[in-house]
Every structure is written in C-alpha cells, then in structure tokens.
Protein backbone atom coordinates (compact mmCIF):
# COMPACT_ATOMS: atom_id res chain seq x y z
CA LEU A 1 28.49 -29.53 -22.49
CA LEU A 2 24.47 -29.99 -21.81
CA GLY A 3 22.56 -31.89 -19.44
CA VAL A 4 18.90 -32.33 -18.95
CA GLY A 5 17.80 -32.80 -15.25
CA THR A 6 14.33 -33.30 -13.75
CA ASP A 7 13.46 -30.76 -11.02
CA ILE A 8 10.07 -30.45 -9.03
CA ALA A 9 11.72 -28.41 -6.02
CA GLY A 10 14.85 -27.65 -7.41
CA SER A 11 16.48 -31.05 -8.56
CA THR A 12 18.12 -29.45 -10.69
CA ARG A 13 18.26 -25.49 -10.07
CA ILE A 14 19.62 -25.90 -6.63
CA PRO A 15 22.15 -27.88 -8.18
CA ALA A 16 23.39 -25.99 -10.50
CA ALA A 17 23.75 -22.53 -8.79
CA PHE A 18 26.16 -24.95 -5.88
CA CYS A 19 28.18 -25.90 -9.30
CA GLY A 20 28.53 -22.82 -11.72
CA VAL A 21 27.11 -23.49 -13.87
CA VAL A 22 22.95 -23.21 -15.36
CA GLY A 23 20.10 -24.55 -14.56
CA PHE A 24 16.28 -24.41 -14.53
CA LYS A 25 12.90 -25.78 -14.83
CA PRO A 26 10.67 -25.33 -17.50
CA THR A 27 6.98 -24.77 -17.63
CA ALA A 28 5.34 -28.31 -17.27
CA GLY A 29 4.60 -29.76 -20.73
CA ARG A 30 7.05 -27.70 -22.54
CA ILE A 31 9.74 -30.73 -22.19
CA SER A 32 8.89 -34.10 -23.39
CA ALA A 33 8.59 -36.14 -19.51
CA ARG A 34 7.67 -39.26 -21.77
CA GLY A 35 9.34 -41.97 -20.18
CA LEU A 36 10.31 -40.85 -16.78
CA GLY A 37 8.98 -42.38 -14.44
CA THR A 38 5.97 -39.80 -11.42
CA ALA A 39 7.24 -38.05 -8.25
CA VAL A 40 4.25 -39.43 -6.37
CA PRO A 41 2.56 -41.96 -8.24
CA GLY A 42 -1.34 -41.36 -7.93
CA ILE A 43 -0.68 -37.50 -7.65
CA VAL A 44 -0.64 -35.20 -10.40
CA GLY A 45 -0.45 -32.14 -8.97
CA VAL A 46 3.48 -32.09 -8.58
CA ALA A 47 4.60 -32.31 -11.78
CA LYS A 48 8.22 -33.45 -12.53
CA THR A 49 9.52 -31.46 -15.19
CA PRO A 50 12.74 -31.98 -17.19
CA GLY A 51 14.84 -28.79 -17.24
CA PRO A 52 18.25 -28.23 -19.36
CA GLN A 53 21.71 -27.37 -17.97
CA ALA A 54 24.78 -25.73 -19.48
CA GLN A 55 27.75 -24.22 -18.84
CA THR A 56 26.13 -20.98 -20.32
CA VAL A 57 22.87 -19.37 -20.45
CA ALA A 58 23.22 -19.65 -24.08
CA GLY A 59 24.23 -23.28 -24.25
CA CYS A 60 20.72 -23.14 -22.41
CA ARG A 61 19.12 -21.67 -24.99
CA LEU A 62 20.56 -24.23 -27.34
CA LEU A 63 18.75 -27.14 -25.87
CA MET A 64 15.67 -25.20 -25.38
CA GLN A 65 15.31 -24.75 -29.21
CA ALA A 66 16.18 -27.73 -29.77
CA LEU A 67 13.56 -29.84 -27.55
CA CYS A 68 10.49 -27.19 -28.23
CA CYS A 69 10.40 -27.62 -31.88
CA LYS A 70 7.67 -29.98 -34.35
CA LEU A 71 9.51 -32.89 -34.02
CA MET A 72 9.17 -33.09 -29.86
CA TRP A 73 4.97 -32.40 -30.72
CA ARG A 74 4.80 -34.81 -32.92
CA LEU A 75 6.39 -37.68 -31.19
CA ASP A 76 4.73 -36.20 -27.98
CA PRO A 77 1.00 -35.00 -28.37
CA THR A 78 0.93 -34.17 -24.64
CA LEU A 79 3.42 -31.33 -24.61
CA ALA A 80 2.11 -27.53 -25.47
CA PRO A 81 2.92 -26.98 -29.14
CA VAL A 82 4.68 -23.17 -27.92
CA PRO A 83 8.02 -22.23 -30.02
CA PHE A 84 10.87 -21.35 -28.17
CA GLN A 85 11.29 -17.32 -28.33
CA ALA A 86 14.89 -17.08 -29.04
CA ALA A 87 14.88 -13.38 -29.26
CA GLN A 88 12.99 -13.14 -25.36
CA CYS A 89 16.95 -14.10 -24.59
CA THR A 90 18.78 -11.21 -25.70
CA GLN A 91 16.11 -8.85 -24.39
CA ARG A 92 17.63 -6.29 -21.85
CA ARG A 93 14.76 -5.23 -19.25
CA THR A 94 14.19 -4.69 -15.84
CA LEU A 95 13.28 -8.07 -13.75
CA LYS A 96 10.17 -7.58 -11.85
CA VAL A 97 10.00 -10.26 -9.07
CA GLY A 98 6.07 -10.78 -7.46
CA TYR A 99 6.36 -11.57 -4.28
CA TYR A 100 3.66 -12.03 -1.79
CA ASP A 101 3.94 -11.82 2.19
CA ASP A 102 0.01 -12.83 3.03
CA ASP A 103 -2.04 -15.82 1.75
CA GLY A 104 -4.57 -15.36 3.71
CA PHE A 105 -4.15 -18.81 5.17
CA PHE A 106 -0.36 -19.35 6.36
CA PRO A 107 1.46 -16.05 7.77
CA VAL A 108 5.11 -16.06 6.66
CA THR A 109 7.89 -16.59 8.74
CA PRO A 110 9.99 -13.73 10.39
CA ALA A 111 12.76 -14.67 8.17
CA TYR A 112 11.15 -14.36 4.74
CA ARG A 113 9.74 -11.36 6.32
CA ARG A 114 12.65 -10.26 7.33
CA ALA A 115 14.49 -10.55 4.25
CA MET A 116 11.42 -8.91 2.02
C-alpha cells in the first residue's frame, strides 16, 4: 500500500507516526508538485513537498525510485535531475543528528533546552 501526501510542517510525517506507517518529506524539488496548489499564494519560501507514505520503509523506497527517474525529469524540468540512491537506504551506520540551542536571535524555550 503506497500513497503520496503533501508536507510543509509535518502534514505527512506526523499522521504517519500516529498511524503506524512510514512517511517523510523529501527535499523540495525531488518529487514533482505539478498540478498541486500552493500553500500560501505568492510565498515561495514555504514549499509544499509531496512525500511518500507506505506501510514499510521498503515501500517508501520503492515509491521514491519510481518518482525520481529520467521520465519525471523530462515531464517536469523544475525537478533536480538526481537519481534516487537506493543503496543508501540499506547502509547500517550511526545516525548523526545536528541541533542548535541558540541562533543569536531567538532563545530556545526552557522545555527544548531540557530535552536536549
């Protein structure tokens, strides 16, 4: 079972997490958004991105392989012509997570600081 949802701030990822399925937001420009309306007309900084949803990670990988191909690049020239690298999905390496606690403009909340 495969699906595609649009995501700006978690519209694909959060429901997937609550429903026990896999969903993620690819980098903007990886999957065609042709024919989709804009989130906020005139504001391109808030990019809605189509993202895969599936019962398994393998299902999401299959959908990404199907949608990140030369045919899609010809149909939508705004896409980045970068093939999907399925081999990276099977690598077992330590995950590194980056974060910051002060950007110099807005202090983080006390709850965020405690969590980190």
